[in-house]
Amino acid sequence: MKVQLERDMKTEIEKAIRAFKGKTSRTVSNFVLRSNSPFTEEVSIYPLPPGFKMPRLGMFNGTRDPFDHLEVYQSHMHLQGVPDPIMCMAFFTTLEGLGRVCFNKIPPGSVGSFT
């Protein structure tokens, strides 16, 4: 009786964990798409290419030449053959301070291309 009860409990716990994991991944994906992300859905759901590595670039904080930062970023990404949607999403990671503040003012769902 005790052994059967333990098995039943273990089965129920495993079921609950699987259900929770499934809900969590869907919830996170839905949250990202529904958040105030400036990216279109097509850009947001684009998968990272296998082996993608973000190039080591200096951060842009709004005090340096923005065109220089953009040119260096594009050169590194094009050299790796990074697809346009990934270039869109990865660019945000090169910003800090005022650069990030400006990026956060882009209207939701308005960025569908890097060019």
N, C-alpha and C. Protein backbone atom coordinates (compact mmCIF):
# COMPACT_ATOMS: atom_id res chain seq x y z
N MET A 1 0.83 -1.19 0.00
CA MET A 1 0.00 0.00 0.00
C MET A 1 0.88 1.25 0.00
N LYS A 2 1.88 1.27 0.89
CA LYS A 2 2.77 2.42 1.00
C LYS A 2 3.58 2.59 -0.29
N VAL A 3 4.06 1.48 -0.84
CA VAL A 3 4.85 1.52 -2.07
C VAL A 3 4.01 2.06 -3.22
N GLN A 4 2.78 1.61 -3.31
CA GLN A 4 1.88 2.07 -4.38
C GLN A 4 1.60 3.56 -4.22
N LEU A 5 1.38 4.02 -3.01
CA LEU A 5 1.13 5.43 -2.74
C LEU A 5 2.33 6.28 -3.17
N GLU A 6 3.54 5.80 -2.86
CA GLU A 6 4.75 6.52 -3.25
C GLU A 6 4.87 6.60 -4.77
N ARG A 7 4.57 5.50 -5.45
CA ARG A 7 4.62 5.49 -6.92
C ARG A 7 3.61 6.46 -7.51
N ASP A 8 2.40 6.44 -6.95
CA ASP A 8 1.36 7.35 -7.44
C ASP A 8 1.76 8.81 -7.24
N MET A 9 2.32 9.10 -6.08
CA MET A 9 2.76 10.47 -5.79
C MET A 9 3.88 10.89 -6.76
N LYS A 10 4.82 9.99 -6.98
CA LYS A 10 5.93 10.28 -7.88
C LYS A 10 5.41 10.55 -9.29
N THR A 11 4.47 9.73 -9.73
CA THR A 11 3.88 9.91 -11.06
C THR A 11 3.19 11.27 -11.17
N GLU A 12 2.43 11.63 -10.15
CA GLU A 12 1.72 12.91 -10.16
C GLU A 12 2.68 14.09 -10.16
N ILE A 13 3.74 13.98 -9.39
CA ILE A 13 4.75 15.05 -9.33
C ILE A 13 5.43 15.20 -10.68
N GLU A 14 5.80 14.09 -11.30
CA GLU A 14 6.44 14.14 -12.62
C GLU A 14 5.51 14.76 -13.66
N LYS A 15 4.22 14.43 -13.59
CA LYS A 15 3.24 15.00 -14.50
C LYS A 15 3.14 16.52 -14.31
N ALA A 16 3.10 16.93 -13.05
CA ALA A 16 3.00 18.36 -12.74
C ALA A 16 4.24 19.12 -13.23
N ILE A 17 5.41 18.52 -13.07
CA ILE A 17 6.65 19.16 -13.52
C ILE A 17 6.65 19.31 -15.04
N ARG A 18 6.24 18.26 -15.75
CA ARG A 18 6.18 18.34 -17.22
C ARG A 18 5.20 19.42 -17.67
N ALA A 19 4.05 19.47 -17.03
CA ALA A 19 3.05 20.47 -17.39
C ALA A 19 3.57 21.88 -17.12
N PHE A 20 4.26 22.04 -16.00
CA PHE A 20 4.81 23.35 -15.64
C PHE A 20 5.88 23.78 -16.64
N LYS A 21 6.77 22.86 -17.02
CA LYS A 21 7.82 23.19 -17.98
C LYS A 21 7.21 23.61 -19.31
N GLY A 22 6.21 22.90 -19.77
CA GLY A 22 5.57 23.24 -21.03
C GLY A 22 4.91 24.61 -20.97
N LYS A 23 4.21 24.89 -19.89
CA LYS A 23 3.55 26.18 -19.72
C LYS A 23 4.57 27.30 -19.64
N THR A 24 5.65 27.07 -18.92
CA THR A 24 6.65 28.11 -18.73
C THR A 24 7.27 28.52 -20.05
N SER A 25 7.67 27.56 -20.88
CA SER A 25 8.30 27.93 -22.15
C SER A 25 7.33 28.67 -23.05
N ARG A 26 6.07 28.24 -23.08
CA ARG A 26 5.08 28.96 -23.89
C ARG A 26 4.84 30.35 -23.33
N THR A 27 4.78 30.45 -22.02
CA THR A 27 4.52 31.74 -21.38
C THR A 27 5.65 32.72 -21.66
N VAL A 28 6.89 32.26 -21.57
CA VAL A 28 8.02 33.13 -21.83
C VAL A 28 8.00 33.60 -23.28
N SER A 29 7.76 32.69 -24.21
CA SER A 29 7.70 33.07 -25.63
C SER A 29 6.59 34.09 -25.87
N ASN A 30 5.43 33.83 -25.31
CA ASN A 30 4.31 34.76 -25.48
C ASN A 30 4.62 36.11 -24.86
N PHE A 31 5.28 36.11 -23.71
CA PHE A 31 5.62 37.36 -23.04
C PHE A 31 6.56 38.19 -23.92
N VAL A 32 7.56 37.52 -24.49
CA VAL A 32 8.52 38.23 -25.33
C VAL A 32 7.80 38.85 -26.52
N LEU A 33 6.91 38.10 -27.14
CA LEU A 33 6.19 38.62 -28.31
C LEU A 33 5.21 39.72 -27.93
N ARG A 34 4.61 39.66 -26.74
CA ARG A 34 3.62 40.65 -26.33
C ARG A 34 4.23 41.84 -25.63
N SER A 35 5.50 41.76 -25.25
CA SER A 35 6.12 42.86 -24.53
C SER A 35 6.26 44.06 -25.45
N ASN A 36 6.82 45.10 -24.95
CA ASN A 36 6.98 46.32 -25.74
C ASN A 36 8.19 46.24 -26.65
N SER A 37 8.49 45.08 -27.13
CA SER A 37 9.63 44.87 -28.01
C SER A 37 9.45 45.69 -29.29
N PRO A 38 10.52 46.35 -29.74
CA PRO A 38 10.40 47.11 -30.98
C PRO A 38 10.38 46.21 -32.22
N PHE A 39 10.62 44.92 -32.04
CA PHE A 39 10.74 44.01 -33.18
C PHE A 39 9.40 43.44 -33.61
N THR A 40 9.28 43.20 -34.91
CA THR A 40 8.09 42.52 -35.43
C THR A 40 8.15 41.06 -34.96
N GLU A 41 7.05 40.37 -35.09
CA GLU A 41 7.02 38.96 -34.68
C GLU A 41 8.01 38.14 -35.50
N GLU A 42 8.12 38.43 -36.79
CA GLU A 42 9.04 37.67 -37.65
C GLU A 42 10.48 37.78 -37.15
N VAL A 43 10.87 38.97 -36.72
CA VAL A 43 12.22 39.17 -36.19
C VAL A 43 12.36 38.48 -34.84
N SER A 44 11.36 38.64 -33.98
CA SER A 44 11.42 38.10 -32.62
C SER A 44 11.54 36.59 -32.57
N ILE A 45 10.93 35.89 -33.52
CA ILE A 45 10.94 34.43 -33.45
C ILE A 45 12.03 33.80 -34.31
N TYR A 46 12.83 34.62 -34.99
CA TYR A 46 13.88 34.08 -35.86
C TYR A 46 14.92 33.34 -35.01
N PRO A 47 15.23 32.10 -35.37
CA PRO A 47 16.17 31.33 -34.54
C PRO A 47 17.62 31.76 -34.74
N LEU A 48 18.40 31.67 -33.67
CA LEU A 48 19.83 31.96 -33.77
C LEU A 48 20.49 30.92 -34.67
N PRO A 49 21.39 31.35 -35.54
CA PRO A 49 22.11 30.37 -36.37
C PRO A 49 23.00 29.49 -35.50
N PRO A 50 23.20 28.24 -35.88
CA PRO A 50 24.09 27.37 -35.10
C PRO A 50 25.49 27.99 -35.02
N GLY A 51 26.04 27.99 -33.83
CA GLY A 51 27.39 28.50 -33.63
C GLY A 51 27.51 30.01 -33.62
N PHE A 52 26.38 30.73 -33.59
CA PHE A 52 26.44 32.19 -33.59
C PHE A 52 27.15 32.69 -32.34
N LYS A 53 28.08 33.61 -32.56
CA LYS A 53 28.77 34.25 -31.45
C LYS A 53 28.73 35.75 -31.69
N MET A 54 28.34 36.45 -30.66
CA MET A 54 28.30 37.90 -30.75
C MET A 54 29.72 38.44 -30.82
N PRO A 55 30.01 39.31 -31.80
CA PRO A 55 31.37 39.87 -31.87
C PRO A 55 31.65 40.77 -30.67
N ARG A 56 32.91 40.83 -30.31
CA ARG A 56 33.31 41.70 -29.20
C ARG A 56 33.44 43.12 -29.74
N LEU A 57 32.53 43.95 -29.34
CA LEU A 57 32.52 45.34 -29.77
C LEU A 57 32.47 46.23 -28.54
N GLY A 58 32.92 47.44 -28.70
CA GLY A 58 32.74 48.40 -27.62
C GLY A 58 31.27 48.74 -27.50
N MET A 59 30.85 49.05 -26.31
CA MET A 59 29.46 49.44 -26.08
C MET A 59 29.24 50.88 -26.55
N PHE A 60 28.05 51.14 -27.05
CA PHE A 60 27.69 52.50 -27.44
C PHE A 60 26.80 53.09 -26.36
N ASN A 61 27.24 54.23 -25.80
CA ASN A 61 26.47 54.84 -24.71
C ASN A 61 25.93 56.22 -25.08
N GLY A 62 26.08 56.61 -26.34
CA GLY A 62 25.55 57.89 -26.78
C GLY A 62 26.57 59.00 -26.81
N THR A 63 27.79 58.75 -26.35
CA THR A 63 28.80 59.80 -26.31
C THR A 63 29.79 59.72 -27.46
N ARG A 64 29.84 58.59 -28.15
CA ARG A 64 30.77 58.43 -29.28
C ARG A 64 30.01 58.62 -30.59
N ASP A 65 30.73 58.50 -31.68
CA ASP A 65 30.14 58.66 -33.00
C ASP A 65 29.21 57.47 -33.30
N PRO A 66 27.90 57.70 -33.43
CA PRO A 66 26.98 56.58 -33.66
C PRO A 66 27.20 55.90 -35.01
N PHE A 67 27.62 56.66 -36.02
CA PHE A 67 27.85 56.08 -37.34
C PHE A 67 29.04 55.12 -37.32
N ASP A 68 30.06 55.48 -36.55
CA ASP A 68 31.22 54.60 -36.43
C ASP A 68 30.81 53.29 -35.74
N HIS A 69 30.04 53.40 -34.67
CA HIS A 69 29.58 52.20 -33.95
C HIS A 69 28.76 51.31 -34.89
N LEU A 70 27.87 51.92 -35.62
CA LEU A 70 27.01 51.18 -36.55
C LEU A 70 27.83 50.50 -37.64
N GLU A 71 28.80 51.22 -38.19
CA GLU A 71 29.64 50.66 -39.25
C GLU A 71 30.46 49.47 -38.76
N VAL A 72 31.04 49.60 -37.57
CA VAL A 72 31.83 48.50 -37.00
C VAL A 72 30.92 47.29 -36.75
N TYR A 73 29.74 47.53 -36.18
CA TYR A 73 28.78 46.45 -35.90
C TYR A 73 28.40 45.73 -37.20
N GLN A 74 27.99 46.49 -38.20
CA GLN A 74 27.57 45.88 -39.47
C GLN A 74 28.71 45.10 -40.12
N SER A 75 29.91 45.65 -40.08
CA SER A 75 31.06 44.95 -40.68
C SER A 75 31.29 43.60 -40.02
N HIS A 76 31.26 43.57 -38.69
CA HIS A 76 31.47 42.31 -37.97
C HIS A 76 30.36 41.31 -38.29
N MET A 77 29.13 41.77 -38.30
CA MET A 77 28.00 40.87 -38.53
C MET A 77 27.98 40.35 -39.97
N HIS A 78 28.25 41.22 -40.94
CA HIS A 78 28.27 40.78 -42.34
C HIS A 78 29.41 39.81 -42.59
N LEU A 79 30.54 40.03 -41.94
CA LEU A 79 31.68 39.13 -42.08
C LEU A 79 31.32 37.71 -41.66
N GLN A 80 30.45 37.59 -40.64
CA GLN A 80 30.01 36.28 -40.15
C GLN A 80 28.81 35.74 -40.93
N GLY A 81 28.25 36.54 -41.83
CA GLY A 81 27.07 36.10 -42.58
C GLY A 81 25.82 36.02 -41.72
N VAL A 82 25.71 36.91 -40.75
CA VAL A 82 24.57 36.90 -39.82
C VAL A 82 23.32 37.40 -40.54
N PRO A 83 22.20 36.68 -40.43
CA PRO A 83 20.96 37.10 -41.07
C PRO A 83 20.42 38.41 -40.47
N ASP A 84 19.69 39.14 -41.29
CA ASP A 84 19.15 40.44 -40.90
C ASP A 84 18.36 40.41 -39.58
N PRO A 85 17.44 39.45 -39.37
CA PRO A 85 16.69 39.46 -38.10
C PRO A 85 17.59 39.35 -36.87
N ILE A 86 18.66 38.58 -36.97
CA ILE A 86 19.58 38.44 -35.84
C ILE A 86 20.34 39.74 -35.64
N MET A 87 20.70 40.40 -36.74
CA MET A 87 21.37 41.70 -36.62
C MET A 87 20.48 42.68 -35.87
N CYS A 88 19.19 42.64 -36.14
CA CYS A 88 18.25 43.53 -35.44
C CYS A 88 18.28 43.28 -33.94
N MET A 89 18.09 42.02 -33.57
CA MET A 89 17.99 41.70 -32.13
C MET A 89 19.31 41.85 -31.40
N ALA A 90 20.41 41.52 -32.06
CA ALA A 90 21.71 41.56 -31.39
C ALA A 90 22.21 42.98 -31.18
N PHE A 91 21.77 43.91 -32.01
CA PHE A 91 22.26 45.29 -31.91
C PHE A 91 22.00 45.88 -30.53
N PHE A 92 20.84 45.58 -29.98
CA PHE A 92 20.47 46.09 -28.66
C PHE A 92 21.52 45.76 -27.60
N THR A 93 22.18 44.62 -27.75
CA THR A 93 23.16 44.21 -26.74
C THR A 93 24.44 45.03 -26.80
N THR A 94 24.58 45.88 -27.82
CA THR A 94 25.77 46.73 -27.92
C THR A 94 25.51 48.12 -27.36
N LEU A 95 24.34 48.33 -26.79
CA LEU A 95 23.96 49.65 -26.30
C LEU A 95 23.93 49.70 -24.78
N GLU A 96 24.27 50.86 -24.25
CA GLU A 96 24.14 51.10 -22.81
C GLU A 96 23.86 52.58 -22.61
N GLY A 97 23.45 52.92 -21.42
CA GLY A 97 23.22 54.33 -21.09
C GLY A 97 22.23 54.99 -22.04
N LEU A 98 22.62 56.16 -22.55
CA LEU A 98 21.76 56.93 -23.43
C LEU A 98 21.42 56.16 -24.71
N GLY A 99 22.36 55.36 -25.20
CA GLY A 99 22.09 54.54 -26.38
C GLY A 99 20.93 53.59 -26.15
N ARG A 100 20.88 52.98 -24.98
CA ARG A 100 19.79 52.05 -24.65
C ARG A 100 18.49 52.81 -24.41
N VAL A 101 18.58 53.99 -23.81
CA VAL A 101 17.39 54.81 -23.58
C VAL A 101 16.73 55.14 -24.92
N CYS A 102 17.54 55.56 -25.88
CA CYS A 102 17.00 55.89 -27.21
C CYS A 102 16.39 54.67 -27.87
N PHE A 103 17.05 53.53 -27.78
CA PHE A 103 16.55 52.29 -28.37
C PHE A 103 15.19 51.92 -27.76
N ASN A 104 15.06 52.11 -26.47
CA ASN A 104 13.81 51.75 -25.78
C ASN A 104 12.64 52.64 -26.17
N LYS A 105 12.89 53.72 -26.88
CA LYS A 105 11.82 54.61 -27.32
C LYS A 105 11.27 54.23 -28.70
N ILE A 106 11.86 53.23 -29.32
CA ILE A 106 11.37 52.77 -30.63
C ILE A 106 9.99 52.15 -30.42
N PRO A 107 9.00 52.52 -31.23
CA PRO A 107 7.65 51.98 -31.05
C PRO A 107 7.61 50.45 -31.16
N PRO A 108 6.78 49.81 -30.34
CA PRO A 108 6.66 48.34 -30.38
C PRO A 108 6.26 47.84 -31.76
N GLY A 109 6.89 46.73 -32.17
CA GLY A 109 6.54 46.07 -33.42
C GLY A 109 6.93 46.81 -34.68
N SER A 110 7.80 47.82 -34.58
CA SER A 110 8.11 48.64 -35.75
C SER A 110 9.41 48.25 -36.46
N VAL A 111 10.23 47.40 -35.86
CA VAL A 111 11.51 47.02 -36.48
C VAL A 111 11.37 45.65 -37.12
N GLY A 112 11.38 45.64 -38.46
CA GLY A 112 11.27 44.38 -39.19
C GLY A 112 12.50 44.10 -40.04
N SER A 113 13.45 45.04 -40.02
CA SER A 113 14.65 44.89 -40.83
C SER A 113 15.75 45.75 -40.23
N PHE A 114 16.99 45.34 -40.41
CA PHE A 114 18.10 46.13 -39.88
C PHE A 114 18.42 47.31 -40.79
N THR A 115 18.11 47.18 -42.07
CA THR A 115 18.46 48.25 -43.01
C THR A 115 17.42 49.34 -43.06
